[in-house]
Amino acid sequence: MMANEQQTVLAPVPGSGARDDEVRRPRPVRRWLVPLLVVVLLAQMAAAMVTTAVQQTPTIDEPVYVATAAEYLHGQGIRYNPEHPPLGKLVIAVGVAIADPHVDTSFDGPQIALGPHLLYESGNDPWRLMFWARLPVIVLTLLFGLVVFAFARELAGRAASLTALALYAFSPDVVAHGALATLDVPMAGFLLTSVWLLWRARVRPRLYVPLAGLALGAALATKMSALPAVPVLLGLAALSVWTACHGDGTRRRLLRVLAGAAVLTLVAVAVVWASYLVVDPRLRWTSRDQVPVVHGLRGILVDLLPFPQAYADGMRIQFHFENYPWEGFLFGRVYTGHLWYYLPAALLVKTPLGLLALWAAGAVVLVAVRRLRPAAPYLLVPAGVLLASAMTGSRDFGTRYALFLPLFLTVAAGCVLAVRRRWAAIATGALVLFVAVSSVRAFPYYLPYSNEAFGGPARTHLRLHDSNVDWGQDLGRLADRLRERYPGERIWLVYKGSGVPSAYGIEASDPREVPAADVRGLLVVSDSSVAKARGRLAELIDSSRPVDEVGHSITIYRR
């Protein structure tokens, strides 16, 4: 509607006597303005992600994904990382294939050693390999930006689409995790794509319901945390088909609704099976370790799913993880177990204030504006169900478990411009600018981002830990800092990550293995370890003087 109104302004007024060249002159500018802004927004996002990808060492989760992708390329089948389906790692494998690392196919060690063995013990350049492994996820993240743009444009016009894309491109969490060889952004992006295609199915169900099934299957074949969205998307498929068949009789509409839901399901299931068949055409899956036994409703769910045995066993492993007493950290409190409000609290810290305001406003507008109300179930219900599911999880490790929110709610935020009031446009523009400035100020330290109300990236470690702050990404920066400012000093290191310090030129000892009196020189501690320090490490930190920090994720003390 807004797009049509903007086009009307540009059209000649009948009987005005305006010459054709006077009317047509501004049109080429307007025609190219939107694509130009899209390119600019995505280009700055690409620059931010590539820069962080080049500068950051492997995070905790990345090495096993990269090494498993390398195993896929060498025909090793599903030997490692069965707790995650293959598709996301097949995406990563595109970059790994370009890097062409040496792979030791005879390696038969534990999963935790697989990634370090490939990166540091097989004659490969870890910097080069990690960059190429991250690049396909970066490209995919940019493509999902186009989905955000297209979805918002169909709902509320060009201005809304540019607003949504700008918020997406400047979202610190999306930039941070879109630059990593991990599975969180791909899963969230595939889900949004499926929902967008179901929205389009309200007009052409025969075309878009199968395509939505492909996208849903891609999400399920990337990460199992997409499963709670399946009933919601089946309901949306039914709603779209019902809407498209408004001229048919009730019985015929019901049959088409059932057919649409069936097509969505069958296509999604086929994609999951295809991802496993690509990796292992014979499906020769056998677990290296004993698969946990799952009882109750979870066990019934696993048995009912029409997926390969490897997928079912991966779910059993995931449910076993949920029973583990993980240690968390929130607002200075160390605890064992799970806090139901952890994710909302973490999102409050790590989401730009302007983005929080526009998320809330967008949700209200979707419900309040009549012509947008049909889109509310498509954007708000999947996001709400996924958030509720994530809040029940036992691993309080980061907002990456809720990365679907910056995608779904950013589309909703763009719809604020459907409120045709000057104050709405001015307020939205100011908030978008606020988000952009806050994000750019964090460059290139997006993982430890927190908004201004909580002190910015430098103070995130006081409230949160793990992938919110310190995921092992700054080992290379630490090596540079020690070499430039502290040459020749004795280094004592407590590092939380998957990287190998000696591979980056850091020669250090563990201060927890010697008497405290012998720990003299520089004490270097990852901030997640600082947050949860106890016993000997806590004594060492308390009796040391902080002198430096690296990447807002590692603190250097002098003793």
Protein backbone atom coordinates (compact mmCIF):
# COMPACT_ATOMS: atom_id res chain seq x y z
CA MET A 1 0.00 0.00 0.00
CA MET A 2 2.79 2.37 0.91
CA ALA A 3 4.69 1.41 -2.22
CA ASN A 4 1.63 2.21 -4.36
CA GLU A 5 1.21 5.55 -2.66
CA GLN A 6 4.83 6.45 -3.35
CA GLN A 7 4.41 5.51 -6.99
CA THR A 8 1.27 7.69 -7.19
CA VAL A 9 3.25 10.71 -6.10
CA LEU A 10 5.62 10.18 -9.00
CA ALA A 11 2.90 9.71 -11.60
CA PRO A 12 1.80 12.70 -13.73
CA VAL A 13 -1.44 14.38 -12.74
CA PRO A 14 -4.00 14.12 -15.59
CA GLY A 15 -4.54 17.43 -17.33
CA SER A 16 -1.60 19.12 -15.62
CA GLY A 17 0.18 19.72 -18.89
CA ALA A 18 3.45 18.38 -17.52
CA ARG A 19 5.88 17.37 -20.21
CA ASP A 20 6.93 13.73 -20.43
CA ASP A 21 10.63 14.52 -19.84
CA GLU A 22 9.75 16.54 -16.72
CA VAL A 23 7.82 13.60 -15.30
CA ARG A 24 10.26 10.89 -16.28
CA ARG A 25 13.48 12.59 -15.17
CA PRO A 26 13.30 11.58 -11.47
CA ARG A 27 12.12 8.04 -12.18
CA PRO A 28 15.56 6.50 -12.95
CA VAL A 29 16.85 7.93 -9.64
CA ARG A 30 13.95 6.39 -7.72
CA ARG A 31 14.23 3.14 -9.64
CA TRP A 32 17.86 2.64 -8.65
CA LEU A 33 17.68 4.15 -5.19
CA VAL A 34 16.22 1.12 -3.42
CA PRO A 35 18.58 -1.46 -5.00
CA LEU A 36 21.49 0.87 -4.27
CA LEU A 37 20.54 1.14 -0.60
CA VAL A 38 20.12 -2.63 -0.39
CA VAL A 39 23.61 -3.12 -1.82
CA VAL A 40 25.09 -0.54 0.57
CA LEU A 41 23.46 -2.11 3.63
CA LEU A 42 24.50 -5.63 2.70
CA ALA A 43 27.98 -4.48 1.70
CA GLN A 44 28.62 -2.91 5.09
CA MET A 45 27.29 -6.07 6.74
CA ALA A 46 29.56 -8.20 4.58
CA ALA A 47 32.54 -6.00 5.43
CA ALA A 48 31.82 -6.33 9.15
CA MET A 49 31.45 -10.11 8.97
CA VAL A 50 34.50 -10.67 6.79
CA THR A 51 36.62 -8.47 9.04
CA THR A 52 35.62 -10.40 12.15
CA ALA A 53 36.02 -13.72 10.31
CA VAL A 54 39.58 -12.79 9.37
CA GLN A 55 40.55 -11.55 12.84
CA GLN A 56 38.94 -14.15 15.11
CA THR A 57 40.43 -17.49 16.07
CA PRO A 58 38.15 -20.57 16.27
CA THR A 59 35.31 -20.35 18.74
CA ILE A 60 34.45 -23.32 20.93
CA ASP A 61 31.87 -24.90 18.60
CA GLU A 62 33.45 -24.22 15.21
CA PRO A 63 36.34 -26.73 15.01
CA VAL A 64 34.13 -29.82 15.31
CA TYR A 65 31.78 -28.51 12.59
CA VAL A 66 34.68 -27.71 10.27
CA ALA A 67 36.40 -31.02 10.90
CA THR A 68 33.15 -32.95 10.43
CA ALA A 69 32.59 -31.09 7.15
CA ALA A 70 36.09 -32.17 6.07
CA GLU A 71 35.20 -35.75 6.97
CA TYR A 72 32.10 -35.54 4.81
CA LEU A 73 34.21 -34.39 1.87
CA HIS A 74 36.48 -37.41 2.29
CA GLY A 75 33.67 -39.94 2.40
CA GLN A 76 33.94 -40.73 6.11
CA GLY A 77 30.19 -40.65 6.66
CA ILE A 78 28.58 -39.66 9.95
CA ARG A 79 31.25 -40.64 12.43
CA TYR A 80 31.32 -37.44 14.48
CA ASN A 81 28.89 -34.78 15.70
CA PRO A 82 25.69 -36.82 15.28
CA GLU A 83 23.88 -34.45 17.67
CA HIS A 84 23.54 -32.03 14.74
CA PRO A 85 22.14 -33.02 11.30
CA PRO A 86 24.45 -32.73 8.27
CA LEU A 87 23.08 -29.86 6.17
CA GLY A 88 24.68 -26.95 8.03
CA LYS A 89 28.01 -28.75 7.95
CA LEU A 90 27.54 -29.43 4.24
CA VAL A 91 27.21 -25.66 3.77
CA ILE A 92 30.46 -25.18 5.69
CA ALA A 93 32.00 -27.95 3.55
CA VAL A 94 31.74 -25.70 0.47
CA GLY A 95 34.35 -23.40 1.99
CA VAL A 96 36.40 -26.30 3.37
CA ALA A 97 36.56 -27.78 -0.12
CA ILE A 98 38.00 -24.52 -1.45
CA ALA A 99 40.59 -24.44 1.34
CA ASP A 100 41.42 -28.08 0.51
CA PRO A 101 43.04 -28.97 3.85
CA HIS A 102 44.95 -32.15 4.51
CA VAL A 103 42.61 -34.55 6.33
CA ASP A 104 43.87 -37.45 8.39
CA THR A 105 41.24 -40.07 7.55
CA SER A 106 42.87 -42.52 9.96
CA PHE A 107 42.07 -40.33 12.98
CA ASP A 108 39.99 -42.30 15.44
CA GLY A 109 40.16 -40.16 18.57
CA PRO A 110 37.36 -38.58 20.58
CA GLN A 111 35.11 -35.92 19.07
CA ILE A 112 36.58 -33.17 21.25
CA ALA A 113 40.00 -33.76 19.65
CA LEU A 114 38.77 -33.93 16.04
CA GLY A 115 38.78 -30.17 15.36
CA PRO A 116 42.15 -29.36 16.95
CA HIS A 117 43.67 -32.33 15.12
CA LEU A 118 42.57 -30.93 11.75
CA LEU A 119 43.46 -27.31 12.52
CA TYR A 120 46.75 -27.72 14.38
CA GLU A 121 48.13 -31.22 13.94
CA SER A 122 47.58 -32.02 10.25
CA GLY A 123 49.81 -29.44 8.59
CA ASN A 124 47.04 -26.95 7.80
CA ASP A 125 46.95 -23.17 8.17
CA PRO A 126 44.21 -22.59 10.79
CA TRP A 127 43.70 -18.94 9.76
CA ARG A 128 43.11 -19.81 6.10
CA LEU A 129 40.99 -22.86 6.79
CA MET A 130 38.72 -21.06 9.26
CA PHE A 131 38.18 -18.12 6.91
CA TRP A 132 37.08 -20.34 4.04
CA ALA A 133 34.90 -22.43 6.35
CA ARG A 134 33.15 -19.28 7.58
CA LEU A 135 32.63 -17.74 4.14
CA PRO A 136 29.62 -19.88 3.06
CA VAL A 137 27.78 -18.96 6.28
CA ILE A 138 28.57 -15.28 5.63
CA VAL A 139 27.07 -15.57 2.12
CA LEU A 140 24.02 -17.38 3.49
CA THR A 141 23.55 -14.67 6.13
CA LEU A 142 23.54 -12.00 3.42
CA LEU A 143 20.97 -13.96 1.40
CA PHE A 144 18.71 -14.17 4.44
CA GLY A 145 18.93 -10.38 4.54
CA LEU A 146 17.23 -10.37 1.15
CA VAL A 147 14.47 -12.56 2.59
CA VAL A 148 13.98 -10.03 5.41
CA PHE A 149 13.83 -7.25 2.81
CA ALA A 150 11.37 -9.07 0.55
CA PHE A 151 9.08 -10.14 3.39
CA ALA A 152 8.86 -6.63 4.85
CA ARG A 153 8.32 -5.10 1.41
CA GLU A 154 5.38 -7.37 0.70
CA LEU A 155 3.84 -6.43 4.03
CA ALA A 156 4.37 -2.68 4.21
CA GLY A 157 6.25 -1.30 1.20
CA ARG A 158 9.71 -0.10 0.26
CA ALA A 159 10.42 2.12 3.24
CA ALA A 160 9.50 -0.71 5.61
CA SER A 161 11.70 -3.16 3.72
CA LEU A 162 14.72 -0.87 3.90
CA THR A 163 14.09 -0.30 7.60
CA ALA A 164 13.90 -4.04 8.27
CA LEU A 165 17.04 -4.71 6.23
CA ALA A 166 18.95 -1.95 8.03
CA LEU A 167 18.00 -3.37 11.43
CA TYR A 168 19.03 -6.84 10.29
CA ALA A 169 22.33 -5.64 8.81
CA PHE A 170 23.25 -3.77 11.99
CA SER A 171 22.10 -6.44 14.45
CA PRO A 172 25.23 -7.26 16.50
CA ASP A 173 24.12 -10.83 17.21
CA VAL A 174 23.43 -11.56 13.53
CA VAL A 175 26.76 -10.06 12.46
CA ALA A 176 28.63 -11.89 15.22
CA HIS A 177 27.23 -15.34 14.51
CA GLY A 178 26.80 -14.87 10.78
CA ALA A 179 30.59 -14.55 10.61
CA LEU A 180 31.16 -17.96 12.22
CA ALA A 181 31.12 -21.50 10.86
CA THR A 182 28.22 -22.44 13.14
CA LEU A 183 24.61 -23.51 12.68
CA ASP A 184 22.52 -20.90 14.51
CA VAL A 185 22.06 -18.32 11.74
CA PRO A 186 21.47 -20.91 8.98
CA MET A 187 18.73 -22.63 11.00
CA ALA A 188 16.98 -19.34 11.86
CA GLY A 189 17.27 -18.08 8.29
CA PHE A 190 15.82 -21.23 6.76
CA LEU A 191 12.86 -21.02 9.16
CA LEU A 192 12.17 -17.39 8.24
CA THR A 193 12.40 -18.31 4.56
CA SER A 194 9.85 -21.08 5.07
CA VAL A 195 7.45 -18.71 6.85
CA TRP A 196 7.84 -16.08 4.11
CA LEU A 197 7.07 -18.68 1.44
CA LEU A 198 4.00 -19.80 3.41
CA TRP A 199 2.86 -16.19 3.48
CA ARG A 200 3.18 -16.08 -0.31
CA ALA A 201 1.27 -19.36 -0.49
CA ARG A 202 -1.87 -17.41 0.42
CA VAL A 203 -1.98 -16.52 -3.28
CA ARG A 204 -0.18 -19.42 -5.01
CA PRO A 205 -0.18 -22.46 -2.72
CA ARG A 206 0.81 -24.96 -5.41
CA LEU A 207 4.09 -23.17 -5.95
CA TYR A 208 4.99 -21.88 -2.52
CA VAL A 209 3.91 -24.68 -0.17
CA PRO A 210 6.46 -27.14 -1.66
CA LEU A 211 9.13 -24.42 -1.59
CA ALA A 212 8.27 -23.72 2.05
CA GLY A 213 8.71 -27.44 2.69
CA LEU A 214 12.20 -27.28 1.21
CA ALA A 215 13.13 -24.39 3.50
CA LEU A 216 11.58 -26.08 6.56
CA GLY A 217 13.43 -29.28 5.74
CA ALA A 218 16.67 -27.30 5.44
CA ALA A 219 16.11 -25.87 8.93
CA LEU A 220 15.39 -29.33 10.38
CA ALA A 221 18.43 -30.75 8.59
CA THR A 222 20.62 -28.00 10.07
CA LYS A 223 19.68 -27.98 13.74
CA MET A 224 17.19 -29.98 15.78
CA SER A 225 16.07 -26.93 17.74
CA ALA A 226 13.89 -26.13 14.70
CA LEU A 227 11.56 -29.01 15.59
CA PRO A 228 9.24 -26.97 17.89
CA ALA A 229 8.37 -24.78 14.90
CA VAL A 230 7.03 -27.70 12.85
CA PRO A 231 3.47 -27.73 14.31
CA VAL A 232 3.31 -23.95 13.92
CA LEU A 233 4.37 -24.06 10.28
CA LEU A 234 1.89 -26.85 9.57
CA GLY A 235 -0.80 -24.60 10.99
CA LEU A 236 0.40 -21.69 8.87
CA ALA A 237 0.38 -23.90 5.78
CA ALA A 238 -3.20 -24.85 6.52
CA LEU A 239 -4.11 -21.19 7.04
CA SER A 240 -2.47 -20.14 3.76
CA VAL A 241 -4.16 -22.84 1.72
CA TRP A 242 -7.52 -22.12 3.35
CA THR A 243 -7.12 -18.43 2.46
CA ALA A 244 -6.08 -19.21 -1.12
CA CYS A 245 -9.13 -21.42 -1.67
CA HIS A 246 -11.69 -18.89 -0.48
CA GLY A 247 -13.91 -19.48 -3.51
CA ASP A 248 -14.25 -23.23 -3.00
CA GLY A 249 -16.76 -25.11 -0.92
CA THR A 250 -15.96 -26.06 2.66
CA ARG A 251 -15.28 -29.72 1.93
CA ARG A 252 -13.02 -28.92 -1.01
CA ARG A 253 -11.13 -26.33 1.07
CA LEU A 254 -10.59 -28.84 3.87
CA LEU A 255 -9.21 -31.41 1.43
CA ARG A 256 -6.83 -28.84 -0.02
CA VAL A 257 -5.76 -27.78 3.46
CA LEU A 258 -4.93 -31.37 4.34
CA ALA A 259 -3.11 -31.79 1.04
CA GLY A 260 -1.07 -28.63 1.67
CA ALA A 261 -0.02 -29.74 5.14
CA ALA A 262 0.87 -33.16 3.76
CA VAL A 263 2.98 -31.68 0.97
CA LEU A 264 4.84 -29.43 3.45
CA THR A 265 5.54 -32.41 5.69
CA LEU A 266 6.62 -34.79 2.96
CA VAL A 267 8.95 -32.30 1.31
CA ALA A 268 10.53 -31.35 4.64
CA VAL A 269 11.06 -35.00 5.59
CA ALA A 270 12.55 -35.67 2.15
CA VAL A 271 15.07 -32.86 2.59
CA VAL A 272 16.22 -34.29 5.94
CA TRP A 273 16.66 -37.76 4.43
CA ALA A 274 18.47 -36.29 1.42
CA SER A 275 20.98 -34.49 3.65
CA TYR A 276 21.89 -37.79 5.31
CA LEU A 277 22.00 -39.68 2.01
CA VAL A 278 24.41 -37.12 0.55
CA VAL A 279 26.80 -37.74 3.43
CA ASP A 280 26.32 -41.51 3.57
CA PRO A 281 24.30 -43.06 0.68
CA ARG A 282 24.18 -46.41 2.45
CA LEU A 283 23.15 -44.96 5.83
CA ARG A 284 25.76 -47.03 7.63
CA TRP A 285 25.36 -45.09 10.87
CA THR A 286 26.69 -46.73 14.00
CA SER A 287 27.32 -44.72 17.14
CA ARG A 288 30.90 -44.43 18.36
CA ASP A 289 29.63 -44.07 21.92
CA GLN A 290 26.67 -45.52 23.74
CA VAL A 291 23.50 -43.64 22.78
CA PRO A 292 21.58 -42.46 25.86
CA VAL A 293 18.20 -44.02 26.53
CA VAL A 294 15.37 -41.47 26.54
CA HIS A 295 12.15 -42.21 28.40
CA GLY A 296 8.74 -40.53 28.69
CA LEU A 297 7.30 -38.12 26.17
CA ARG A 298 10.71 -37.32 24.77
CA GLY A 299 11.35 -40.97 24.03
CA ILE A 300 7.97 -41.30 22.32
CA LEU A 301 8.69 -38.20 20.22
CA VAL A 302 12.04 -39.58 19.08
CA ASP A 303 10.48 -42.91 18.11
CA LEU A 304 7.68 -41.25 16.13
CA LEU A 305 9.84 -38.96 14.00
CA PRO A 306 10.12 -40.20 10.38
CA PHE A 307 13.84 -39.45 10.16
CA PRO A 308 16.99 -41.58 9.77
CA GLN A 309 18.33 -43.48 12.77
CA ALA A 310 21.28 -41.08 13.01
CA TYR A 311 18.85 -38.18 13.46
CA ALA A 312 16.96 -40.03 16.20
CA ASP A 313 20.18 -40.91 18.01
CA GLY A 314 21.33 -37.30 17.70
CA MET A 315 18.11 -36.21 19.39
CA ARG A 316 18.74 -38.69 22.19
CA ILE A 317 22.18 -37.17 22.69
CA GLN A 318 20.68 -33.68 22.77
CA PHE A 319 18.11 -34.74 25.38
CA HIS A 320 20.95 -36.24 27.42
CA PHE A 321 22.70 -32.85 27.32
CA GLU A 322 19.53 -31.29 28.68
CA ASN A 323 19.82 -33.48 31.78
CA TYR A 324 23.37 -32.34 32.54
CA PRO A 325 23.80 -29.87 35.46
CA TRP A 326 25.41 -27.05 33.49
CA GLU A 327 26.88 -24.05 35.29
CA GLY A 328 25.54 -20.62 34.37
CA PHE A 329 26.37 -16.98 35.03
CA LEU A 330 23.92 -14.07 35.01
CA PHE A 331 24.36 -10.55 36.45
CA GLY A 332 27.27 -11.63 38.65
CA ARG A 333 25.59 -14.77 39.96
CA VAL A 334 27.12 -18.20 39.36
CA TYR A 335 24.55 -20.99 39.52
CA THR A 336 24.08 -24.62 38.62
CA GLY A 337 21.08 -25.60 36.55
CA HIS A 338 18.77 -23.41 34.53
CA LEU A 339 17.00 -20.08 34.98
CA TRP A 340 13.80 -19.80 32.97
CA TYR A 341 14.30 -16.05 32.54
CA TYR A 342 17.92 -16.33 31.39
CA LEU A 343 17.27 -15.77 27.67
CA PRO A 344 14.97 -12.73 28.11
CA ALA A 345 17.53 -11.20 30.49
CA ALA A 346 20.41 -11.90 28.12
CA LEU A 347 18.47 -10.47 25.18
CA LEU A 348 17.79 -7.33 27.20
CA VAL A 349 21.55 -6.89 27.62
CA LYS A 350 22.71 -7.84 24.14
CA THR A 351 20.07 -6.26 21.90
CA PRO A 352 20.48 -2.60 20.88
CA LEU A 353 18.00 -0.41 22.74
CA GLY A 354 16.55 0.98 19.53
CA LEU A 355 16.02 -2.52 18.22
CA LEU A 356 14.21 -3.58 21.40
CA ALA A 357 11.88 -0.59 21.03
CA LEU A 358 11.17 -1.32 17.37
CA TRP A 359 10.60 -5.03 18.02
CA ALA A 360 7.92 -4.14 20.55
CA ALA A 361 6.39 -1.47 18.32
CA GLY A 362 6.38 -3.80 15.32
CA ALA A 363 4.56 -6.52 17.26
CA VAL A 364 1.93 -4.00 18.36
CA VAL A 365 1.49 -2.66 14.82
CA LEU A 366 1.05 -6.15 13.37
CA VAL A 367 -1.82 -6.77 15.77
CA ALA A 368 -3.35 -3.28 15.71
CA VAL A 369 -3.27 -2.36 11.99
CA ARG A 370 -6.06 -4.19 10.21
CA ARG A 371 -4.36 -4.77 6.88
CA LEU A 372 -1.26 -6.20 8.63
CA ARG A 373 -3.18 -8.36 11.09
CA PRO A 374 -3.17 -11.44 8.81
CA ALA A 375 0.66 -11.42 8.98
CA ALA A 376 0.79 -11.47 12.78
CA PRO A 377 0.50 -15.28 13.11
CA TYR A 378 3.29 -15.74 10.55
CA LEU A 379 5.80 -13.55 12.35
CA LEU A 380 4.82 -13.56 16.02
CA VAL A 381 3.63 -17.10 16.66
CA PRO A 382 6.75 -18.96 15.35
CA ALA A 383 9.03 -16.52 17.19
CA GLY A 384 7.03 -16.89 20.39
CA VAL A 385 6.93 -20.70 20.26
CA LEU A 386 10.64 -20.96 19.51
CA LEU A 387 11.48 -18.54 22.32
CA ALA A 388 9.32 -20.47 24.79
CA SER A 389 11.02 -23.69 23.73
CA ALA A 390 14.51 -22.18 24.04
CA MET A 391 13.66 -20.84 27.50
CA THR A 392 13.05 -24.39 28.71
CA GLY A 393 16.53 -25.52 27.64
CA SER A 394 19.12 -26.27 30.30
CA ARG A 395 22.09 -24.61 28.58
CA ASP A 396 22.23 -20.93 29.59
CA PHE A 397 25.11 -20.18 27.25
CA GLY A 398 24.02 -17.29 25.06
CA THR A 399 21.52 -15.42 22.94
CA ARG A 400 22.58 -17.52 19.97
CA TYR A 401 19.82 -19.90 21.05
CA ALA A 402 17.34 -17.14 20.18
CA LEU A 403 18.86 -15.85 16.93
CA PHE A 404 15.51 -16.30 15.21
CA LEU A 405 14.26 -13.15 17.00
CA PRO A 406 16.50 -10.69 15.09
CA LEU A 407 15.08 -12.18 11.88
CA PHE A 408 11.36 -12.53 12.60
CA LEU A 409 10.94 -9.43 14.75
CA THR A 410 13.06 -7.28 12.46
CA VAL A 411 10.52 -7.88 9.69
CA ALA A 412 7.81 -6.88 12.16
CA ALA A 413 9.81 -3.79 13.15
CA GLY A 414 9.85 -2.58 9.55
CA CYS A 415 6.06 -2.63 9.58
CA VAL A 416 6.00 0.26 12.08
CA LEU A 417 6.11 2.51 9.03
CA ALA A 418 2.64 1.26 8.10
CA VAL A 419 1.45 3.75 10.72
CA ARG A 420 0.99 6.70 8.39
CA ARG A 421 1.99 9.43 10.78
CA ARG A 422 4.95 11.75 10.47
CA TRP A 423 5.97 11.13 14.07
CA ALA A 424 6.13 7.37 13.40
CA ALA A 425 8.50 7.86 10.47
CA ILE A 426 10.69 10.29 12.43
CA ALA A 427 10.83 8.05 15.51
CA THR A 428 11.60 4.97 13.43
CA GLY A 429 14.38 6.75 11.57
CA ALA A 430 15.91 7.96 14.82
CA LEU A 431 15.80 4.48 16.36
CA VAL A 432 17.33 2.88 13.26
CA LEU A 433 20.15 5.43 13.41
CA PHE A 434 20.61 4.67 17.12
CA VAL A 435 20.91 0.95 16.33
CA ALA A 436 23.41 1.61 13.53
CA VAL A 437 25.61 3.83 15.70
CA SER A 438 25.54 1.35 18.58
CA SER A 439 26.49 -1.49 16.25
CA VAL A 440 29.26 0.38 14.45
CA ARG A 441 30.76 1.44 17.78
CA ALA A 442 31.14 -2.24 18.70
CA PHE A 443 33.14 -3.03 15.52
CA PRO A 444 34.88 -5.47 15.30
CA TYR A 445 33.97 -6.93 18.73
CA TYR A 446 30.44 -8.11 18.04
CA LEU A 447 30.40 -11.27 20.16
CA PRO A 448 30.81 -9.37 23.46
CA TYR A 449 28.33 -6.64 22.45
CA SER A 450 25.96 -5.22 25.03
CA ASN A 451 23.85 -2.09 24.72
CA GLU A 452 24.52 1.28 26.31
CA ALA A 453 22.22 0.67 29.27
CA PHE A 454 24.57 -2.09 30.41
CA GLY A 455 27.86 -0.35 29.71
CA GLY A 456 28.67 -1.55 26.21
CA PRO A 457 30.97 -4.42 25.12
CA ALA A 458 33.64 -3.61 27.70
CA ARG A 459 31.30 -4.50 30.57
CA THR A 460 29.34 -7.44 29.15
CA HIS A 461 31.56 -9.90 31.05
CA LEU A 462 30.18 -8.54 34.32
CA ARG A 463 26.67 -9.76 33.42
CA LEU A 464 27.02 -12.70 31.02
CA HIS A 465 29.48 -15.37 29.96
CA ASP A 466 30.25 -18.01 27.30
CA SER A 467 29.16 -17.17 23.71
CA ASN A 468 27.70 -13.86 24.91
CA VAL A 469 31.21 -12.61 25.64
CA ASP A 470 34.05 -15.05 25.50
CA TRP A 471 33.87 -17.97 23.11
CA GLY A 472 37.59 -18.39 22.52
CA GLN A 473 37.62 -15.92 19.61
CA ASP A 474 40.48 -13.68 20.74
CA LEU A 475 43.44 -16.05 21.04
CA GLY A 476 45.08 -14.52 17.97
CA ARG A 477 44.54 -10.98 19.28
CA LEU A 478 46.03 -12.07 22.60
CA ALA A 479 49.13 -13.35 20.84
CA ASP A 480 49.56 -10.00 19.07
CA ARG A 481 49.06 -8.06 22.32
CA LEU A 482 51.60 -10.12 24.26
CA ARG A 483 54.14 -9.83 21.46
CA GLU A 484 53.70 -6.05 21.10
CA ARG A 485 53.38 -4.92 24.73
CA TYR A 486 54.81 -7.70 26.90
CA PRO A 487 57.71 -9.31 25.04
CA GLY A 488 59.75 -11.77 27.09
CA GLU A 489 57.38 -11.83 30.08
CA ARG A 490 56.37 -15.05 31.83
CA ILE A 491 52.81 -15.95 30.85
CA TRP A 492 50.31 -17.87 32.95
CA LEU A 493 47.17 -18.66 30.97
CA VAL A 494 43.65 -19.88 31.73
CA TYR A 495 42.02 -19.96 28.30
CA LYS A 496 38.46 -21.03 27.55
CA GLY A 497 38.26 -22.12 23.94
CA SER A 498 39.11 -24.68 21.28
CA GLY A 499 42.24 -22.99 20.00
CA VAL A 500 45.75 -24.16 20.82
CA PRO A 501 47.73 -21.23 22.30
CA SER A 502 51.13 -22.51 21.15
CA ALA A 503 49.90 -22.54 17.54
CA TYR A 504 49.65 -18.74 17.76
CA GLY A 505 53.02 -18.28 19.44
CA ILE A 506 51.78 -18.14 23.04
CA GLU A 507 54.02 -20.09 25.37
CA ALA A 508 52.23 -20.24 28.70
CA SER A 509 51.69 -22.41 31.77
CA ASP A 510 48.57 -23.21 33.77
CA PRO A 511 48.70 -21.26 37.07
CA ARG A 512 46.39 -23.76 38.76
CA GLU A 513 49.02 -26.48 38.59
CA VAL A 514 51.70 -24.78 40.73
CA PRO A 515 51.75 -23.09 44.14
CA ALA A 516 50.34 -19.54 44.10
CA ALA A 517 53.69 -18.11 45.20
CA ASP A 518 55.29 -19.38 41.99
CA VAL A 519 52.83 -17.53 39.75
CA ARG A 520 54.73 -14.35 38.89
CA GLY A 521 54.51 -12.25 35.75
CA LEU A 522 51.36 -11.99 33.63
CA LEU A 523 48.21 -13.88 34.54
CA VAL A 524 45.92 -14.08 31.48
CA VAL A 525 42.38 -15.34 32.04
CA SER A 526 39.38 -15.70 29.73
CA ASP A 527 36.51 -13.62 31.10
CA SER A 528 34.17 -16.61 31.33
CA SER A 529 36.71 -18.23 33.63
CA VAL A 530 36.99 -14.99 35.61
CA ALA A 531 33.22 -14.87 36.02
CA LYS A 532 33.05 -18.38 37.46
CA ALA A 533 36.42 -18.45 39.22
CA ARG A 534 36.63 -20.46 42.41
CA GLY A 535 39.31 -21.87 44.67
CA ARG A 536 42.90 -21.40 43.47
CA LEU A 537 41.98 -19.34 40.40
CA ALA A 538 39.82 -16.96 42.44
CA GLU A 539 42.69 -16.47 44.91
CA LEU A 540 45.11 -15.75 42.09
CA ILE A 541 42.79 -13.20 40.49
CA ASP A 542 42.02 -11.48 43.81
CA SER A 543 45.74 -11.09 44.55
CA SER A 544 46.56 -9.73 41.07
CA ARG A 545 46.23 -6.33 39.43
CA PRO A 546 44.35 -6.00 36.10
CA VAL A 547 46.50 -4.15 33.57
CA ASP A 548 44.97 -4.86 30.16
CA GLU A 549 42.15 -6.53 28.26
CA VAL A 550 41.91 -8.13 24.82
CA GLY A 551 38.79 -8.02 22.67
CA HIS A 552 36.57 -7.44 25.74
CA SER A 553 36.87 -11.20 26.36
CA ILE A 554 40.28 -11.76 27.99
CA THR A 555 41.75 -9.93 30.99
CA ILE A 556 45.49 -9.58 31.65
CA TYR A 557 46.63 -9.28 35.27
CA ARG A 558 50.08 -8.58 36.67
CA ARG A 559 51.48 -10.50 39.59
